[in-house]
Structures are given as structure tokens and as C-alpha cells.
């Protein structure tokens, strides 16, 4: 499969990426996840009491990693988050 890929073309595409736009995309991607953790913290606070934001942030990003690795996309990370809390 890799013999079909032109390395020079891949390199030129990577070098043509606008760094400013890439940084904005990464920033807003992380910001969206942090807002999701705030929302999750609010829901947990209403249901079960207070949880530390830093702890929930770690659990949230671990669950995102599991969603990327496990088949099914969403279920594995949600089960992990539920179990971790």
C-alpha cells in the first residue's frame, strides 16, 4: 500500500499547511473538549455531588482515547467514564 504513495507529494502537502489555521483548529478542538468536561461536571454535581475538574478532565481524555481504539466508537469510552466515576 505504501509503495503507491508519493512521499514528495505528501511532504509538499504537509509543508503547505497554514500553521496559524492549524493552531486555531487544535485550540478550538481542545476547548470544545474542556467545555464538554465542564458540562459533564455540572451534570455529575447535580446528580452525585462535587467532583474535581482535573480528575474529570483526565477521565474524559482517557475515554476519548478508548473511543479511538475500541470498536464501536462511543461505547467503550462511555463505559470507562461511568466506571471511573
N, C-alpha and C. Protein backbone atom coordinates (compact mmCIF):
# COMPACT_ATOMS: atom_id res chain seq x y z
N UNK A 1 0.81 -1.19 0.00
CA UNK A 1 0.00 0.00 0.00
C UNK A 1 0.86 1.26 0.00
N UNK A 2 1.94 1.26 0.75
CA UNK A 2 2.77 2.45 0.86
C UNK A 2 3.57 2.74 -0.42
N UNK A 3 3.75 1.75 -1.26
CA UNK A 3 4.51 1.99 -2.49
C UNK A 3 3.72 2.85 -3.47
N UNK A 4 2.42 2.99 -3.27
CA UNK A 4 1.59 3.82 -4.14
C UNK A 4 1.72 5.30 -3.77
N UNK A 5 2.03 5.59 -2.53
CA UNK A 5 2.09 6.95 -2.01
C UNK A 5 3.37 7.63 -2.48
N UNK A 6 3.21 8.82 -3.03
CA UNK A 6 4.36 9.61 -3.43
C UNK A 6 4.81 10.46 -2.23
N UNK A 7 5.97 10.13 -1.68
CA UNK A 7 6.47 10.80 -0.48
C UNK A 7 6.68 12.29 -0.73
N UNK A 8 7.14 12.66 -1.90
CA UNK A 8 7.36 14.08 -2.21
C UNK A 8 6.04 14.85 -2.21
N UNK A 9 4.98 14.23 -2.69
CA UNK A 9 3.68 14.89 -2.69
C UNK A 9 3.16 15.06 -1.26
N UNK A 10 3.33 14.04 -0.44
CA UNK A 10 2.92 14.12 0.96
C UNK A 10 3.70 15.23 1.66
N UNK A 11 4.99 15.30 1.42
CA UNK A 11 5.82 16.33 2.03
C UNK A 11 5.38 17.73 1.60
N UNK A 12 5.07 17.91 0.33
CA UNK A 12 4.64 19.23 -0.14
C UNK A 12 3.29 19.62 0.45
N UNK A 13 2.40 18.65 0.64
CA UNK A 13 1.11 18.94 1.26
C UNK A 13 1.29 19.34 2.72
N UNK A 14 2.13 18.62 3.45
CA UNK A 14 2.37 18.94 4.86
C UNK A 14 3.02 20.31 4.99
N UNK A 15 3.96 20.62 4.13
CA UNK A 15 4.63 21.92 4.19
C UNK A 15 3.73 23.08 3.76
N UNK A 16 2.65 22.78 3.05
CA UNK A 16 1.75 23.85 2.61
C UNK A 16 0.68 24.19 3.64
N UNK A 17 0.65 23.46 4.74
CA UNK A 17 -0.36 23.71 5.78
C UNK A 17 -0.07 25.06 6.43
N UNK A 18 -1.13 25.86 6.58
CA UNK A 18 -1.01 27.14 7.26
C UNK A 18 -0.95 26.88 8.77
N UNK A 19 0.16 27.23 9.39
CA UNK A 19 0.40 26.93 10.80
C UNK A 19 -0.61 27.65 11.69
N UNK A 20 -0.97 28.87 11.35
CA UNK A 20 -1.93 29.63 12.16
C UNK A 20 -3.29 28.94 12.18
N UNK A 21 -3.74 28.52 11.02
CA UNK A 21 -5.03 27.82 10.96
C UNK A 21 -4.97 26.49 11.70
N UNK A 22 -3.85 25.82 11.62
CA UNK A 22 -3.70 24.55 12.33
C UNK A 22 -3.74 24.76 13.84
N UNK A 23 -3.06 25.81 14.33
CA UNK A 23 -3.08 26.10 15.76
C UNK A 23 -4.47 26.47 16.24
N UNK A 24 -5.20 27.25 15.44
CA UNK A 24 -6.59 27.58 15.79
C UNK A 24 -7.44 26.32 15.87
N UNK A 25 -7.27 25.42 14.92
CA UNK A 25 -8.04 24.18 14.91
C UNK A 25 -7.75 23.33 16.15
N UNK A 26 -6.48 23.22 16.50
CA UNK A 26 -6.10 22.45 17.69
C UNK A 26 -6.65 23.12 18.95
N UNK A 27 -6.52 24.44 19.02
CA UNK A 27 -7.02 25.18 20.19
C UNK A 27 -8.52 24.98 20.37
N UNK A 28 -9.29 25.15 19.30
CA UNK A 28 -10.74 25.03 19.42
C UNK A 28 -11.16 23.58 19.63
N UNK A 29 -10.40 22.63 19.14
CA UNK A 29 -10.69 21.23 19.43
C UNK A 29 -10.52 20.92 20.90
N UNK A 30 -9.44 21.40 21.48
CA UNK A 30 -9.21 21.20 22.92
C UNK A 30 -10.24 21.96 23.73
N UNK A 31 -10.55 23.19 23.31
CA UNK A 31 -11.55 24.00 24.02
C UNK A 31 -12.91 23.31 24.02
N UNK A 32 -13.30 22.71 22.91
CA UNK A 32 -14.59 22.00 22.85
C UNK A 32 -14.62 20.85 23.84
N UNK A 33 -13.51 20.14 23.98
CA UNK A 33 -13.47 19.04 24.94
C UNK A 33 -13.49 19.54 26.38
N UNK A 34 -12.83 20.65 26.65
CA UNK A 34 -12.83 21.23 28.00
C UNK A 34 -14.25 21.68 28.36
N UNK A 35 -14.96 22.28 27.42
CA UNK A 35 -16.35 22.68 27.66
C UNK A 35 -17.21 21.45 27.93
N UNK A 36 -16.95 20.36 27.23
CA UNK A 36 -17.68 19.12 27.48
C UNK A 36 -17.43 18.60 28.89
N UNK A 37 -16.20 18.75 29.37
CA UNK A 37 -15.90 18.32 30.74
C UNK A 37 -16.62 19.21 31.74
N UNK A 38 -16.69 20.52 31.50
CA UNK A 38 -17.46 21.41 32.38
C UNK A 38 -18.93 20.99 32.43
N UNK A 39 -19.48 20.67 31.27
CA UNK A 39 -20.88 20.24 31.21
C UNK A 39 -21.06 18.93 31.97
N UNK A 40 -20.13 17.99 31.78
CA UNK A 40 -20.19 16.72 32.48
C UNK A 40 -20.09 16.93 33.99
N UNK A 41 -19.20 17.85 34.41
CA UNK A 41 -19.03 18.16 35.83
C UNK A 41 -20.33 18.72 36.42
N UNK A 42 -21.01 19.58 35.67
CA UNK A 42 -22.28 20.15 36.13
C UNK A 42 -23.33 19.06 36.31
N UNK A 43 -23.42 18.15 35.35
CA UNK A 43 -24.39 17.05 35.45
C UNK A 43 -24.07 16.16 36.64
N UNK A 44 -22.80 15.83 36.83
CA UNK A 44 -22.41 14.99 37.96
C UNK A 44 -22.67 15.69 39.29
N UNK A 45 -22.44 17.00 39.32
CA UNK A 45 -22.67 17.76 40.55
C UNK A 45 -24.15 17.73 40.93
N UNK A 46 -25.02 17.86 39.95
CA UNK A 46 -26.45 17.82 40.23
C UNK A 46 -26.92 16.43 40.65
N UNK A 47 -26.25 15.39 40.15
CA UNK A 47 -26.69 14.03 40.45
C UNK A 47 -26.02 13.41 41.67
N UNK A 48 -24.70 13.62 41.81
CA UNK A 48 -23.95 12.86 42.81
C UNK A 48 -23.13 13.71 43.77
N UNK A 49 -22.96 14.97 43.51
CA UNK A 49 -22.11 15.79 44.37
C UNK A 49 -20.94 16.36 43.59
N UNK A 50 -19.97 16.88 44.31
CA UNK A 50 -18.86 17.60 43.70
C UNK A 50 -17.74 16.66 43.26
N UNK A 51 -17.16 16.95 42.09
CA UNK A 51 -16.00 16.23 41.58
C UNK A 51 -14.96 17.25 41.15
N UNK A 52 -13.69 16.91 41.29
CA UNK A 52 -12.62 17.82 40.88
C UNK A 52 -12.53 17.86 39.36
N UNK A 53 -12.38 19.08 38.84
CA UNK A 53 -12.31 19.26 37.39
C UNK A 53 -11.12 18.52 36.80
N UNK A 54 -9.96 18.60 37.45
CA UNK A 54 -8.75 17.95 36.92
C UNK A 54 -8.94 16.44 36.82
N UNK A 55 -9.60 15.85 37.80
CA UNK A 55 -9.84 14.41 37.77
C UNK A 55 -10.77 14.05 36.61
N UNK A 56 -11.83 14.84 36.44
CA UNK A 56 -12.77 14.58 35.35
C UNK A 56 -12.13 14.80 33.99
N UNK A 57 -11.24 15.78 33.90
CA UNK A 57 -10.54 16.04 32.64
C UNK A 57 -9.69 14.83 32.23
N UNK A 58 -8.99 14.26 33.20
CA UNK A 58 -8.19 13.07 32.92
C UNK A 58 -9.04 11.90 32.47
N UNK A 59 -10.14 11.67 33.17
CA UNK A 59 -11.04 10.57 32.81
C UNK A 59 -11.62 10.80 31.42
N UNK A 60 -11.99 12.05 31.13
CA UNK A 60 -12.60 12.37 29.84
C UNK A 60 -11.64 12.09 28.69
N UNK A 61 -10.38 12.55 28.82
CA UNK A 61 -9.42 12.33 27.73
C UNK A 61 -9.03 10.86 27.61
N UNK A 62 -9.03 10.13 28.72
CA UNK A 62 -8.80 8.69 28.63
C UNK A 62 -9.94 8.01 27.89
N UNK A 63 -11.17 8.46 28.15
CA UNK A 63 -12.32 7.86 27.46
C UNK A 63 -12.29 8.20 25.97
N UNK A 64 -11.82 9.40 25.61
CA UNK A 64 -11.68 9.73 24.19
C UNK A 64 -10.66 8.81 23.52
N UNK A 65 -9.59 8.51 24.23
CA UNK A 65 -8.58 7.59 23.69
C UNK A 65 -9.17 6.21 23.47
N UNK A 66 -9.95 5.75 24.43
CA UNK A 66 -10.58 4.43 24.29
C UNK A 66 -11.56 4.42 23.12
N UNK A 67 -12.28 5.52 22.93
CA UNK A 67 -13.20 5.61 21.80
C UNK A 67 -12.46 5.48 20.47
N UNK A 68 -11.24 5.96 20.42
CA UNK A 68 -10.45 5.89 19.19
C UNK A 68 -9.92 4.49 18.93
N UNK A 69 -9.70 3.72 19.99
CA UNK A 69 -9.06 2.42 19.85
C UNK A 69 -10.07 1.28 19.78
N UNK A 70 -11.09 1.34 20.61
CA UNK A 70 -12.04 0.22 20.69
C UNK A 70 -13.06 0.27 19.55
N UNK A 71 -13.50 -0.90 19.10
CA UNK A 71 -14.54 -0.91 18.08
C UNK A 71 -15.86 -0.40 18.65
N UNK A 72 -16.64 0.22 17.82
CA UNK A 72 -17.92 0.75 18.28
C UNK A 72 -17.88 2.25 18.47
N UNK A 73 -16.70 2.82 18.57
CA UNK A 73 -16.54 4.27 18.58
C UNK A 73 -16.90 4.97 19.87
N UNK A 74 -18.08 4.77 20.40
CA UNK A 74 -18.53 5.57 21.53
C UNK A 74 -18.66 4.75 22.80
N UNK A 75 -19.11 3.54 22.69
CA UNK A 75 -19.50 2.74 23.85
C UNK A 75 -18.35 2.52 24.82
N UNK A 76 -17.17 2.19 24.34
CA UNK A 76 -16.06 1.87 25.22
C UNK A 76 -15.67 3.01 26.14
N UNK A 77 -15.57 4.22 25.60
CA UNK A 77 -15.20 5.38 26.40
C UNK A 77 -16.27 5.75 27.40
N UNK A 78 -17.54 5.63 27.02
CA UNK A 78 -18.63 5.96 27.94
C UNK A 78 -18.69 4.98 29.10
N UNK A 79 -18.45 3.71 28.81
CA UNK A 79 -18.43 2.71 29.88
C UNK A 79 -17.26 3.02 30.82
N UNK A 80 -16.12 3.38 30.27
CA UNK A 80 -14.97 3.73 31.10
C UNK A 80 -15.27 4.94 31.99
N UNK A 81 -15.89 5.97 31.42
CA UNK A 81 -16.23 7.16 32.21
C UNK A 81 -17.21 6.81 33.32
N UNK A 82 -18.22 6.02 33.00
CA UNK A 82 -19.20 5.62 34.01
C UNK A 82 -18.54 4.83 35.14
N UNK A 83 -17.66 3.91 34.77
CA UNK A 83 -17.00 3.08 35.77
C UNK A 83 -16.03 3.91 36.61
N UNK A 84 -15.34 4.87 35.99
CA UNK A 84 -14.35 5.65 36.70
C UNK A 84 -14.95 6.60 37.72
N UNK A 85 -16.15 7.03 37.47
CA UNK A 85 -16.81 7.94 38.42
C UNK A 85 -17.41 7.13 39.51
